[in-house]
Amino acid sequence: MLMTSQADEAIAPAWTIRQELPIDLDQIHDLHRAAFASPAEAELVDAVRSGPDFVPDLSLVAVTADDSVLGHVLVSRIALQPDDETAARVDVLALAPIAVLPPHQGRGIGTALMSEALAIADQREEPMTIVLGSPSFYEPFGFIPAAELGIHGPYDDAADAFQVRPRPGLSGDELPSGTAVYPAMFSAV
């Protein structure tokens, strides 16, 4: 029998990460309402989940042993219109939103959710993940300003906060440049 010390137990997080389940939906909605100043992000999650670009494998929660939801991250599909406007749109991923209940922020939950979501995204065929957010948070995960890769979109005025993370292993000539095209539901945020 393997014994663990109290020190080992203190280091282990009091939560795990898994794919969202139907029983989590109300808690996820309430979490986003608590974590953001407006209900827009909670409504965005609900709208994306009911739309055709929802990717169930990329809606993850951090939960306690009793299934209390402490954090959530959502990655869904959006389109990229290549610079050559006659070319077909390419599916890419958009990370939005990520949230942790305010009393549990700063415990590594957001970082763990990001790491797991990106590990799953890296196994998919989409060439990149796009995000609008704090460069200081997203840069350690491999995000760079979107303009550096020739990616533009509705958040160009956000400068370096509009970011892209290429799927690892893709070379620069394999990455399309163009304009990110978000579904209408994103314009409400």
Foldseek 3Di string as FASTA:
>chain_A
DDDDDVVVVVPDDQWDKDFDDPVCLVLQQVQVVQFDPHSLQSVLVVVLVPDPFFDRRLWMFIAGPVRRTFKIKGKTWFWFCFPPNVDDIAIAIEIGDIGGRVVCPPVCRSVVSVVSNLVVVLVDDHFKYWYQADCVVCVVVQKFALVVLQEAEPCVVSTGSTIMHTRPPDDSVRDGHGYIGGPPSVVSD
